[in-house]
Amino acid sequence: MPPTLRSLLFVPGNTPRMLDRALNLRPDAFVPDMEDSVPWDEKANAREVTAAYVPQLARTGAPVIPRVNSLDTGLLEDDLNAVIGPHIYGVSVGKMDNPDILGEVVGLIQKIEVRAGLPIGTTKLVPWIESAESILKLDEICRSSPRIVAIALGAEDFTNDMEIERTDSDAEIAYARSAIAIAARATGILALDTPFFAFREPDALRENSLASRGIGFRGRFAIHPAQVEILNEVFSPSEEEVNHARRVIEAFEEAAAMGRGSTSLDGKVVDVPVVKRAQGLLEQAAQMGLLEEEPFSL
């Protein structure tokens, strides 16, 4: 089972001041960033600073998933050498356009694991889906390595690749979002949504993230500490949802005891698919530590 990844906080990997502040925060995962948030002439510095802070971030108990530079930059192997070790959960890598690129990345990771004395497969992988090609090859990408625990939508790079404008409506990424959520679900990994850049608009973040959760995303990258609490709330089952799921299951159990395969609750049909959905929600809540008892199972 992948860990709970409702909020993944980006921290610029070349800025010790921000990394120090991050140590007092509690996102579901830390993502010290050596890629987009770091200018080209700061890449080497970001590598050194990130490597120095990885053990400290790990001591908070949250998974550490550094974002390294993509294969085409020529920086990837040095980045991986700097961060792969016992203190990270995995790495996040951009521009994963096809399984061939992913295979090269996995090969580098395995070589470094062997050299570091780590069991092969220790380092997990979160590929970024950022191009038209990667959308068309989603299933192949998701199934290309057991290291993959989640896939992430990079909407800015995707719309750039498509040569279309990025808008507040998100209409231009609707298909990509749905395709990623479906592919992730089909292959048993997590779908992580693109960062929300209007970090001073909490209500807009909440509304946008609720829509994201509604199509199957399980978490999102945060670009500002203020976004973490909202993301953790949105991507967690609410108390109201948990209570409703329990009522669904109770109603179904009563019907089953009378030999019936369906019933109704609040004017809506309750049958096996509805119960399974309620069960899944309770399982999510249990994984997040929101339940004390074991969820009901059909």
C-alpha atoms as a PDB file:
ATOM      1  CA  MET A   1       0.000   0.000   0.000  1.00  0.00           C
ATOM      2  CA  PRO A   2       1.338   3.453  -0.872  1.00  0.00           C
ATOM      3  CA  PRO A   3       1.419   5.870   2.052  1.00  0.00           C
ATOM      4  CA  THR A   4      -1.256   8.514   2.458  1.00  0.00           C
ATOM      5  CA  LEU A   5      -0.240  11.361   0.155  1.00  0.00           C
ATOM      6  CA  ARG A   6      -2.903  14.042   0.486  1.00  0.00           C
ATOM      7  CA  SER A   7      -0.409  16.910   0.649  1.00  0.00           C
ATOM      8  CA  LEU A   8       3.094  16.872  -0.808  1.00  0.00           C
ATOM      9  CA  LEU A   9       4.927  20.065   0.056  1.00  0.00           C
ATOM     10  CA  PHE A  10       7.443  21.477  -2.398  1.00  0.00           C
ATOM     11  CA  VAL A  11      10.431  23.190  -0.786  1.00  0.00           C
ATOM     12  CA  PRO A  12      13.106  24.814  -2.991  1.00  0.00           C
ATOM     13  CA  GLY A  13      16.159  22.616  -2.618  1.00  0.00           C
ATOM     14  CA  ASN A  14      18.641  25.477  -2.775  1.00  0.00           C
ATOM     15  CA  THR A  15      17.166  27.509   0.089  1.00  0.00           C
ATOM     16  CA  PRO A  16      18.250  26.416   3.596  1.00  0.00           C
ATOM     17  CA  ARG A  17      15.978  29.028   5.189  1.00  0.00           C
ATOM     18  CA  MET A  18      12.870  27.468   3.659  1.00  0.00           C
ATOM     19  CA  LEU A  19      14.036  23.943   4.412  1.00  0.00           C
ATOM     20  CA  ASP A  20      14.561  24.938   8.055  1.00  0.00           C
ATOM     21  CA  ARG A  21      10.992  26.279   8.184  1.00  0.00           C
ATOM     22  CA  ALA A  22       9.687  23.093   6.586  1.00  0.00           C
ATOM     23  CA  LEU A  23      11.029  21.015   9.471  1.00  0.00           C
ATOM     24  CA  ASN A  24       8.243  22.439  11.649  1.00  0.00           C
ATOM     25  CA  LEU A  25       5.492  21.610   9.157  1.00  0.00           C
ATOM     26  CA  ARG A  26       3.543  18.368   8.815  1.00  0.00           C
ATOM     27  CA  PRO A  27       2.535  17.622   5.232  1.00  0.00           C
ATOM     28  CA  ASP A  28       1.989  14.005   4.278  1.00  0.00           C
ATOM     29  CA  ALA A  29       5.275  14.159   2.335  1.00  0.00           C
ATOM     30  CA  PHE A  30       8.160  16.542   1.778  1.00  0.00           C
ATOM     31  CA  VAL A  31       9.324  17.221  -1.774  1.00  0.00           C
ATOM     32  CA  PRO A  32      12.643  19.084  -1.682  1.00  0.00           C
ATOM     33  CA  ASP A  33      12.820  20.403  -5.217  1.00  0.00           C
ATOM     34  CA  MET A  34      15.882  20.431  -7.432  1.00  0.00           C
ATOM     35  CA  GLU A  35      13.932  21.005 -10.655  1.00  0.00           C
ATOM     36  CA  ASP A  36      11.541  23.832 -11.596  1.00  0.00           C
ATOM     37  CA  SER A  37      11.943  26.004  -8.496  1.00  0.00           C
ATOM     38  CA  VAL A  38      15.733  26.132  -8.889  1.00  0.00           C
ATOM     39  CA  PRO A  39      17.530  28.350 -11.458  1.00  0.00           C
ATOM     40  CA  TRP A  40      19.964  26.573 -13.742  1.00  0.00           C
ATOM     41  CA  ASP A  41      23.075  28.106 -12.164  1.00  0.00           C
ATOM     42  CA  GLU A  42      21.845  26.945  -8.732  1.00  0.00           C
ATOM     43  CA  LYS A  43      21.397  23.267  -9.639  1.00  0.00           C
ATOM     44  CA  ALA A  44      24.651  22.067  -8.093  1.00  0.00           C
ATOM     45  CA  ASN A  45      23.998  24.049  -4.920  1.00  0.00           C
ATOM     46  CA  ALA A  46      20.461  22.666  -4.698  1.00  0.00           C
ATOM     47  CA  ARG A  47      21.846  19.149  -4.974  1.00  0.00           C
ATOM     48  CA  GLU A  48      24.228  19.692  -2.051  1.00  0.00           C
ATOM     49  CA  VAL A  49      21.715  21.508   0.144  1.00  0.00           C
ATOM     50  CA  THR A  50      18.975  18.970  -0.503  1.00  0.00           C
ATOM     51  CA  ALA A  51      21.279  16.046   0.281  1.00  0.00           C
ATOM     52  CA  ALA A  52      22.227  17.699   3.578  1.00  0.00           C
ATOM     53  CA  TYR A  53      18.598  18.257   4.612  1.00  0.00           C
ATOM     54  CA  VAL A  54      17.139  14.897   3.583  1.00  0.00           C
ATOM     55  CA  PRO A  55      18.029  13.172   6.909  1.00  0.00           C
ATOM     56  CA  GLN A  56      16.517  16.054   8.889  1.00  0.00           C
ATOM     57  CA  LEU A  57      13.306  15.984   6.884  1.00  0.00           C
ATOM     58  CA  ALA A  58      13.105  12.211   7.318  1.00  0.00           C
ATOM     59  CA  ARG A  59      13.312  12.572  11.094  1.00  0.00           C
ATOM     60  CA  THR A  60       9.926  14.317  11.068  1.00  0.00           C
ATOM     61  CA  GLY A  61       8.381  10.959  10.169  1.00  0.00           C
ATOM     62  CA  ALA A  62       6.958  12.131   6.828  1.00  0.00           C
ATOM     63  CA  PRO A  63       8.129  10.430   3.624  1.00  0.00           C
ATOM     64  CA  VAL A  64      10.763  12.401   1.735  1.00  0.00           C
ATOM     65  CA  ILE A  65      10.355  12.356  -2.052  1.00  0.00           C
ATOM     66  CA  PRO A  66      12.889  14.699  -3.683  1.00  0.00           C
ATOM     67  CA  ARG A  67      12.030  16.001  -7.138  1.00  0.00           C
ATOM     68  CA  VAL A  68      15.078  15.552  -9.315  1.00  0.00           C
ATOM     69  CA  ASN A  69      15.814  16.927 -12.762  1.00  0.00           C
ATOM     70  CA  SER A  70      14.542  15.007 -15.777  1.00  0.00           C
ATOM     71  CA  LEU A  71      16.631  12.627 -17.862  1.00  0.00           C
ATOM     72  CA  ASP A  72      17.004  15.038 -20.774  1.00  0.00           C
ATOM     73  CA  THR A  73      18.791  17.667 -18.636  1.00  0.00           C
ATOM     74  CA  GLY A  74      21.891  15.544 -18.095  1.00  0.00           C
ATOM     75  CA  LEU A  75      21.595  16.244 -14.347  1.00  0.00           C
ATOM     76  CA  LEU A  76      19.546  13.256 -13.293  1.00  0.00           C
ATOM     77  CA  GLU A  77      22.283  10.798 -12.392  1.00  0.00           C
ATOM     78  CA  ASP A  78      24.111  13.320 -10.210  1.00  0.00           C
ATOM     79  CA  ASP A  79      20.831  14.237  -8.495  1.00  0.00           C
ATOM     80  CA  LEU A  80      20.008  10.591  -7.813  1.00  0.00           C
ATOM     81  CA  ASN A  81      23.503   9.941  -6.470  1.00  0.00           C
ATOM     82  CA  ALA A  82      23.042  12.818  -4.046  1.00  0.00           C
ATOM     83  CA  VAL A  83      19.712  11.772  -2.543  1.00  0.00           C
ATOM     84  CA  ILE A  84      19.230   8.011  -2.869  1.00  0.00           C
ATOM     85  CA  GLY A  85      19.784   6.364   0.472  1.00  0.00           C
ATOM     86  CA  PRO A  86      17.979   5.142   3.578  1.00  0.00           C
ATOM     87  CA  HIS A  87      16.353   8.506   4.361  1.00  0.00           C
ATOM     88  CA  ILE A  88      14.160   8.920   1.295  1.00  0.00           C
ATOM     89  CA  TYR A  89      10.957   7.108   0.392  1.00  0.00           C
ATOM     90  CA  GLY A  90      11.338   7.742  -3.314  1.00  0.00           C
ATOM     91  CA  VAL A  91      12.023  10.282  -6.021  1.00  0.00           C
ATOM     92  CA  SER A  92       9.777  12.338  -8.259  1.00  0.00           C
ATOM     93  CA  VAL A  93      10.930  12.667 -11.874  1.00  0.00           C
ATOM     94  CA  GLY A  94       9.514  14.861 -14.623  1.00  0.00           C
ATOM     95  CA  LYS A  95       9.152  14.424 -18.374  1.00  0.00           C
ATOM     96  CA  MET A  96       8.301  10.716 -18.175  1.00  0.00           C
ATOM     97  CA  ASP A  97       6.930  10.700 -21.703  1.00  0.00           C
ATOM     98  CA  ASN A  98       7.117   6.956 -22.353  1.00  0.00           C
ATOM     99  CA  PRO A  99       8.139   3.620 -20.806  1.00  0.00           C
ATOM    100  CA  ASP A 100      11.571   3.762 -22.465  1.00  0.00           C
ATOM    101  CA  ILE A 101      12.499   6.925 -20.561  1.00  0.00           C
ATOM    102  CA  LEU A 102      11.116   5.426 -17.389  1.00  0.00           C
ATOM    103  CA  GLY A 103      13.177   2.290 -17.962  1.00  0.00           C
ATOM    104  CA  GLU A 104      16.366   4.342 -18.222  1.00  0.00           C
ATOM    105  CA  VAL A 105      15.522   6.156 -14.999  1.00  0.00           C
ATOM    106  CA  VAL A 106      14.811   2.894 -13.189  1.00  0.00           C
ATOM    107  CA  GLY A 107      18.128   1.520 -14.432  1.00  0.00           C
ATOM    108  CA  LEU A 108      20.000   4.472 -12.932  1.00  0.00           C
ATOM    109  CA  ILE A 109      18.153   4.119  -9.640  1.00  0.00           C
ATOM    110  CA  GLN A 110      18.929   0.408  -9.422  1.00  0.00           C
ATOM    111  CA  LYS A 111      22.612   0.973 -10.128  1.00  0.00           C
ATOM    112  CA  ILE A 112      22.819   3.541  -7.346  1.00  0.00           C
ATOM    113  CA  GLU A 113      20.890   1.317  -4.908  1.00  0.00           C
ATOM    114  CA  VAL A 114      23.365  -1.514  -5.489  1.00  0.00           C
ATOM    115  CA  ARG A 115      26.299   0.829  -4.959  1.00  0.00           C
ATOM    116  CA  ALA A 116      24.694   2.209  -1.774  1.00  0.00           C
ATOM    117  CA  GLY A 117      24.000  -1.269  -0.390  1.00  0.00           C
ATOM    118  CA  LEU A 118      20.225  -0.823  -0.527  1.00  0.00           C
ATOM    119  CA  PRO A 119      17.873  -3.660  -1.493  1.00  0.00           C
ATOM    120  CA  ILE A 120      16.817  -3.298  -5.123  1.00  0.00           C
ATOM    121  CA  GLY A 121      13.384  -1.688  -5.251  1.00  0.00           C
ATOM    122  CA  THR A 122      13.810   0.359  -2.083  1.00  0.00           C
ATOM    123  CA  THR A 123      13.483   3.689  -3.881  1.00  0.00           C
ATOM    124  CA  LYS A 124       9.908   4.353  -5.033  1.00  0.00           C
ATOM    125  CA  LEU A 125       9.006   6.474  -8.026  1.00  0.00           C
ATOM    126  CA  VAL A 126       6.497   9.245  -8.749  1.00  0.00           C
ATOM    127  CA  PRO A 127       6.589  10.086 -12.485  1.00  0.00           C
ATOM    128  CA  TRP A 128       5.203  13.376 -13.776  1.00  0.00           C
ATOM    129  CA  ILE A 129       2.833  13.163 -16.719  1.00  0.00           C
ATOM    130  CA  GLU A 130       3.495  16.337 -18.697  1.00  0.00           C
ATOM    131  CA  SER A 131       3.003  15.738 -22.419  1.00  0.00           C
ATOM    132  CA  ALA A 132       0.513  14.532 -24.981  1.00  0.00           C
ATOM    133  CA  GLU A 133       2.663  11.453 -25.583  1.00  0.00           C
ATOM    134  CA  SER A 134       2.612  10.501 -21.911  1.00  0.00           C
ATOM    135  CA  ILE A 135      -1.191  10.797 -21.788  1.00  0.00           C
ATOM    136  CA  LEU A 136      -1.486   8.382 -24.713  1.00  0.00           C
ATOM    137  CA  LYS A 137       0.932   5.939 -23.027  1.00  0.00           C
ATOM    138  CA  LEU A 138      -0.425   6.170 -19.498  1.00  0.00           C
ATOM    139  CA  ASP A 139      -1.242   2.494 -19.064  1.00  0.00           C
ATOM    140  CA  GLU A 140       2.193   1.416 -20.300  1.00  0.00           C
ATOM    141  CA  ILE A 141       3.909   3.940 -18.043  1.00  0.00           C
ATOM    142  CA  CYS A 142       1.917   2.961 -14.955  1.00  0.00           C
ATOM    143  CA  ARG A 143       2.660  -0.741 -15.487  1.00  0.00           C
ATOM    144  CA  SER A 144       6.323  -0.302 -16.413  1.00  0.00           C
ATOM    145  CA  SER A 145       7.786  -0.629 -12.908  1.00  0.00           C
ATOM    146  CA  PRO A 146       6.649  -1.849  -9.486  1.00  0.00           C
ATOM    147  CA  ARG A 147       8.525   1.122  -8.022  1.00  0.00           C
ATOM    148  CA  ILE A 148       5.747   3.452  -9.165  1.00  0.00           C
ATOM    149  CA  VAL A 149       3.463   4.380  -6.275  1.00  0.00           C
ATOM    150  CA  ALA A 150       1.786   7.423  -7.851  1.00  0.00           C
ATOM    151  CA  ILE A 151       1.632   9.498 -11.007  1.00  0.00           C
ATOM    152  CA  ALA A 152       1.403  13.274 -11.029  1.00  0.00           C
ATOM    153  CA  LEU A 153      -0.148  15.687 -13.506  1.00  0.00           C
ATOM    154  CA  GLY A 154       2.081  18.589 -14.508  1.00  0.00           C
ATOM    155  CA  ALA A 155      -0.513  20.892 -16.044  1.00  0.00           C
ATOM    156  CA  GLU A 156       1.819  23.754 -16.955  1.00  0.00           C
ATOM    157  CA  ASP A 157       4.180  21.582 -18.970  1.00  0.00           C
ATOM    158  CA  PHE A 158       1.276  19.624 -20.449  1.00  0.00           C
ATOM    159  CA  THR A 159      -0.466  22.730 -21.764  1.00  0.00           C
ATOM    160  CA  ASN A 160       2.875  24.036 -23.028  1.00  0.00           C
ATOM    161  CA  ASP A 161       3.391  20.785 -24.923  1.00  0.00           C
ATOM    162  CA  MET A 162      -0.122  21.071 -26.336  1.00  0.00           C
ATOM    163  CA  GLU A 163       0.514  24.725 -27.300  1.00  0.00           C
ATOM    164  CA  ILE A 164      -2.663  25.834 -25.550  1.00  0.00           C
ATOM    165  CA  GLU A 165      -3.402  28.452 -22.910  1.00  0.00           C
ATOM    166  CA  ARG A 166      -3.706  27.587 -19.232  1.00  0.00           C
ATOM    167  CA  THR A 167      -6.953  28.992 -17.816  1.00  0.00           C
ATOM    168  CA  ASP A 168      -8.689  29.241 -14.467  1.00  0.00           C
ATOM    169  CA  SER A 169     -11.491  26.975 -15.700  1.00  0.00           C
ATOM    170  CA  ASP A 170      -9.174  23.938 -16.075  1.00  0.00           C
ATOM    171  CA  ALA A 171     -11.212  22.937 -19.143  1.00  0.00           C
ATOM    172  CA  GLU A 172      -7.996  22.438 -21.109  1.00  0.00           C
ATOM    173  CA  ILE A 173      -6.742  19.762 -18.681  1.00  0.00           C
ATOM    174  CA  ALA A 174     -10.072  17.993 -18.071  1.00  0.00           C
ATOM    175  CA  TYR A 175      -9.277  15.028 -20.297  1.00  0.00           C
ATOM    176  CA  ALA A 176      -5.721  14.673 -18.973  1.00  0.00           C
ATOM    177  CA  ARG A 177      -6.985  14.779 -15.401  1.00  0.00           C
ATOM    178  CA  SER A 178      -9.587  12.087 -15.994  1.00  0.00           C
ATOM    179  CA  ALA A 179      -7.177   9.894 -17.953  1.00  0.00           C
ATOM    180  CA  ILE A 180      -4.589  10.045 -15.170  1.00  0.00           C
ATOM    181  CA  ALA A 181      -7.131   9.288 -12.439  1.00  0.00           C
ATOM    182  CA  ILE A 182      -8.482   6.292 -14.377  1.00  0.00           C
ATOM    183  CA  ALA A 183      -5.047   4.901 -15.264  1.00  0.00           C
ATOM    184  CA  ALA A 184      -3.872   5.226 -11.669  1.00  0.00           C
ATOM    185  CA  ARG A 185      -6.936   3.437 -10.332  1.00  0.00           C
ATOM    186  CA  ALA A 186      -6.652   0.675 -12.924  1.00  0.00           C
ATOM    187  CA  THR A 187      -3.049  -0.025 -11.950  1.00  0.00           C
ATOM    188  CA  GLY A 188      -3.389   0.314  -8.177  1.00  0.00           C
ATOM    189  CA  ILE A 189      -1.389   3.512  -7.694  1.00  0.00           C
ATOM    190  CA  LEU A 190      -2.280   7.027  -6.558  1.00  0.00           C
ATOM    191  CA  ALA A 191      -3.249   9.943  -8.779  1.00  0.00           C
ATOM    192  CA  LEU A 192      -1.742  13.257  -7.635  1.00  0.00           C
ATOM    193  CA  ASP A 193      -3.048  16.513  -9.032  1.00  0.00           C
ATOM    194  CA  THR A 194      -1.107  19.436 -10.432  1.00  0.00           C
ATOM    195  CA  PRO A 195      -0.087  22.259  -8.044  1.00  0.00           C
ATOM    196  CA  PHE A 196      -2.541  25.115  -7.523  1.00  0.00           C
ATOM    197  CA  PHE A 197      -0.539  28.293  -8.045  1.00  0.00           C
ATOM    198  CA  ALA A 198      -2.990  30.853  -6.610  1.00  0.00           C
ATOM    199  CA  PHE A 199      -1.673  30.212  -3.123  1.00  0.00           C
ATOM    200  CA  ARG A 200      -3.347  33.327  -1.677  1.00  0.00           C
ATOM    201  CA  GLU A 201      -6.816  32.021  -2.610  1.00  0.00           C
ATOM    202  CA  PRO A 202      -7.688  29.260  -0.114  1.00  0.00           C
ATOM    203  CA  ASP A 203     -11.346  29.043  -1.113  1.00  0.00           C
ATOM    204  CA  ALA A 204     -10.401  28.551  -4.751  1.00  0.00           C
ATOM    205  CA  LEU A 205      -7.893  25.871  -3.747  1.00  0.00           C
ATOM    206  CA  ARG A 206     -10.552  24.042  -1.750  1.00  0.00           C
ATOM    207  CA  GLU A 207     -13.120  24.194  -4.556  1.00  0.00           C
ATOM    208  CA  ASN A 208     -10.628  23.100  -7.199  1.00  0.00           C
ATOM    209  CA  SER A 209      -9.323  20.265  -5.034  1.00  0.00           C
ATOM    210  CA  LEU A 210     -12.819  19.020  -4.226  1.00  0.00           C
ATOM    211  CA  ALA A 211     -13.401  18.730  -7.966  1.00  0.00           C
ATOM    212  CA  SER A 212     -10.090  16.910  -8.265  1.00  0.00           C
ATOM    213  CA  ARG A 213     -11.009  14.443  -5.531  1.00  0.00           C
ATOM    214  CA  GLY A 214     -14.385  13.978  -7.187  1.00  0.00           C
ATOM    215  CA  ILE A 215     -12.791  12.420 -10.276  1.00  0.00           C
ATOM    216  CA  GLY A 216     -10.393  10.169  -8.382  1.00  0.00           C
ATOM    217  CA  PHE A 217      -7.311  12.108  -7.317  1.00  0.00           C
ATOM    218  CA  ARG A 218      -5.988  11.172  -3.883  1.00  0.00           C
ATOM    219  CA  GLY A 219      -3.712  14.136  -3.187  1.00  0.00           C
ATOM    220  CA  ARG A 220      -1.984  17.203  -4.511  1.00  0.00           C
ATOM    221  CA  PHE A 221       1.309  19.052  -4.451  1.00  0.00           C
ATOM    222  CA  ALA A 222       1.458  22.170  -2.270  1.00  0.00           C
ATOM    223  CA  ILE A 223       3.604  25.121  -3.276  1.00  0.00           C
ATOM    224  CA  HIS A 224       3.035  27.012  -0.016  1.00  0.00           C
ATOM    225  CA  PRO A 225       2.736  25.811   3.598  1.00  0.00           C
ATOM    226  CA  ALA A 226      -0.695  27.441   3.893  1.00  0.00           C
ATOM    227  CA  GLN A 227      -2.063  24.950   1.364  1.00  0.00           C
ATOM    228  CA  VAL A 228      -1.184  21.855   3.400  1.00  0.00           C
ATOM    229  CA  GLU A 229      -4.051  21.986   5.901  1.00  0.00           C
ATOM    230  CA  ILE A 230      -6.639  22.542   3.170  1.00  0.00           C
ATOM    231  CA  LEU A 231      -5.319  19.649   1.087  1.00  0.00           C
ATOM    232  CA  ASN A 232      -5.263  17.315   4.079  1.00  0.00           C
ATOM    233  CA  GLU A 233      -8.876  18.250   4.813  1.00  0.00           C
ATOM    234  CA  VAL A 234     -10.150  17.975   1.244  1.00  0.00           C
ATOM    235  CA  PHE A 235      -8.506  14.651   0.477  1.00  0.00           C
ATOM    236  CA  SER A 236      -9.684  13.048   3.720  1.00  0.00           C
ATOM    237  CA  PRO A 237     -13.160  11.572   4.233  1.00  0.00           C
ATOM    238  CA  SER A 238     -15.177  14.074   6.233  1.00  0.00           C
ATOM    239  CA  GLU A 239     -17.002  13.174   9.437  1.00  0.00           C
ATOM    240  CA  GLU A 240     -20.268  13.537   7.534  1.00  0.00           C
ATOM    241  CA  GLU A 241     -19.061  11.149   4.814  1.00  0.00           C
ATOM    242  CA  VAL A 242     -17.882   8.601   7.369  1.00  0.00           C
ATOM    243  CA  ASN A 243     -21.191   8.712   9.228  1.00  0.00           C
ATOM    244  CA  HIS A 244     -23.144   8.311   5.991  1.00  0.00           C
ATOM    245  CA  ALA A 245     -20.979   5.353   4.953  1.00  0.00           C
ATOM    246  CA  ARG A 246     -21.689   3.683   8.278  1.00  0.00           C
ATOM    247  CA  ARG A 247     -25.427   4.242   7.837  1.00  0.00           C
ATOM    248  CA  VAL A 248     -25.267   2.733   4.341  1.00  0.00           C
ATOM    249  CA  ILE A 249     -23.580  -0.377   5.675  1.00  0.00           C
ATOM    250  CA  GLU A 250     -25.976  -0.677   8.613  1.00  0.00           C
ATOM    251  CA  ALA A 251     -28.987  -0.385   6.295  1.00  0.00           C
ATOM    252  CA  PHE A 252     -27.572  -3.036   3.983  1.00  0.00           C
ATOM    253  CA  GLU A 253     -26.804  -5.420   6.854  1.00  0.00           C
ATOM    254  CA  GLU A 254     -30.390  -5.105   8.066  1.00  0.00           C
ATOM    255  CA  ALA A 255     -31.693  -5.830   4.569  1.00  0.00           C
ATOM    256  CA  ALA A 256     -29.318  -8.780   4.138  1.00  0.00           C
ATOM    257  CA  ALA A 257     -30.531 -10.257   7.444  1.00  0.00           C
ATOM    258  CA  MET A 258     -34.028 -10.316   5.926  1.00  0.00           C
ATOM    259  CA  GLY A 259     -32.771 -12.017   2.776  1.00  0.00           C
ATOM    260  CA  ARG A 260     -32.831  -8.915   0.572  1.00  0.00           C
ATOM    261  CA  GLY A 261     -30.030  -7.840  -1.769  1.00  0.00           C
ATOM    262  CA  SER A 262     -30.828  -4.137  -1.702  1.00  0.00           C
ATOM    263  CA  THR A 263     -32.606  -1.496   0.342  1.00  0.00           C
ATOM    264  CA  SER A 264     -32.933   2.292   0.459  1.00  0.00           C
ATOM    265  CA  LEU A 265     -31.561   5.104   2.592  1.00  0.00           C
ATOM    266  CA  ASP A 266     -32.645   8.741   2.452  1.00  0.00           C
ATOM    267  CA  GLY A 267     -34.661   7.990  -0.668  1.00  0.00           C
ATOM    268  CA  LYS A 268     -31.770   6.392  -2.579  1.00  0.00           C
ATOM    269  CA  VAL A 269     -31.133   2.762  -3.478  1.00  0.00           C
ATOM    270  CA  VAL A 270     -28.492   0.914  -1.466  1.00  0.00           C
ATOM    271  CA  ASP A 271     -27.156  -2.170  -3.249  1.00  0.00           C
ATOM    272  CA  VAL A 272     -23.805  -3.941  -3.440  1.00  0.00           C
ATOM    273  CA  PRO A 273     -21.925  -1.265  -5.496  1.00  0.00           C
ATOM    274  CA  VAL A 274     -23.131   1.452  -3.116  1.00  0.00           C
ATOM    275  CA  VAL A 275     -22.007  -0.594  -0.123  1.00  0.00           C
ATOM    276  CA  LYS A 276     -18.620  -1.254  -1.693  1.00  0.00           C
ATOM    277  CA  ARG A 277     -18.181   2.481  -2.241  1.00  0.00           C
ATOM    278  CA  ALA A 278     -19.017   3.101   1.419  1.00  0.00           C
ATOM    279  CA  GLN A 279     -16.608   0.357   2.440  1.00  0.00           C
ATOM    280  CA  GLY A 280     -13.855   1.924   0.334  1.00  0.00           C
ATOM    281  CA  LEU A 281     -14.379   5.291   1.971  1.00  0.00           C
ATOM    282  CA  LEU A 282     -14.120   3.743   5.426  1.00  0.00           C
ATOM    283  CA  GLU A 283     -10.960   1.922   4.387  1.00  0.00           C
ATOM    284  CA  GLN A 284      -9.455   5.240   3.296  1.00  0.00           C
ATOM    285  CA  ALA A 285     -10.430   6.780   6.625  1.00  0.00           C
ATOM    286  CA  ALA A 286      -8.881   3.857   8.493  1.00  0.00           C
ATOM    287  CA  GLN A 287      -5.627   4.159   6.539  1.00  0.00           C
ATOM    288  CA  MET A 288      -5.484   7.836   7.506  1.00  0.00           C
ATOM    289  CA  GLY A 289      -5.978   6.975  11.166  1.00  0.00           C
ATOM    290  CA  LEU A 290      -9.480   8.485  11.304  1.00  0.00           C
ATOM    291  CA  LEU A 291     -11.200   5.280  12.493  1.00  0.00           C
ATOM    292  CA  GLU A 292     -10.628   3.068  15.490  1.00  0.00           C
ATOM    293  CA  GLU A 293     -12.572   0.021  14.339  1.00  0.00           C
ATOM    294  CA  GLU A 294     -11.976  -2.137  11.287  1.00  0.00           C
ATOM    295  CA  PRO A 295     -14.244  -1.209   8.354  1.00  0.00           C
ATOM    296  CA  PHE A 296     -17.026  -3.599   7.363  1.00  0.00           C
ATOM    297  CA  SER A 297     -16.246  -5.976   4.489  1.00  0.00           C
ATOM    298  CA  LEU A 298     -18.664  -7.775   2.181  1.00  0.00           C
END
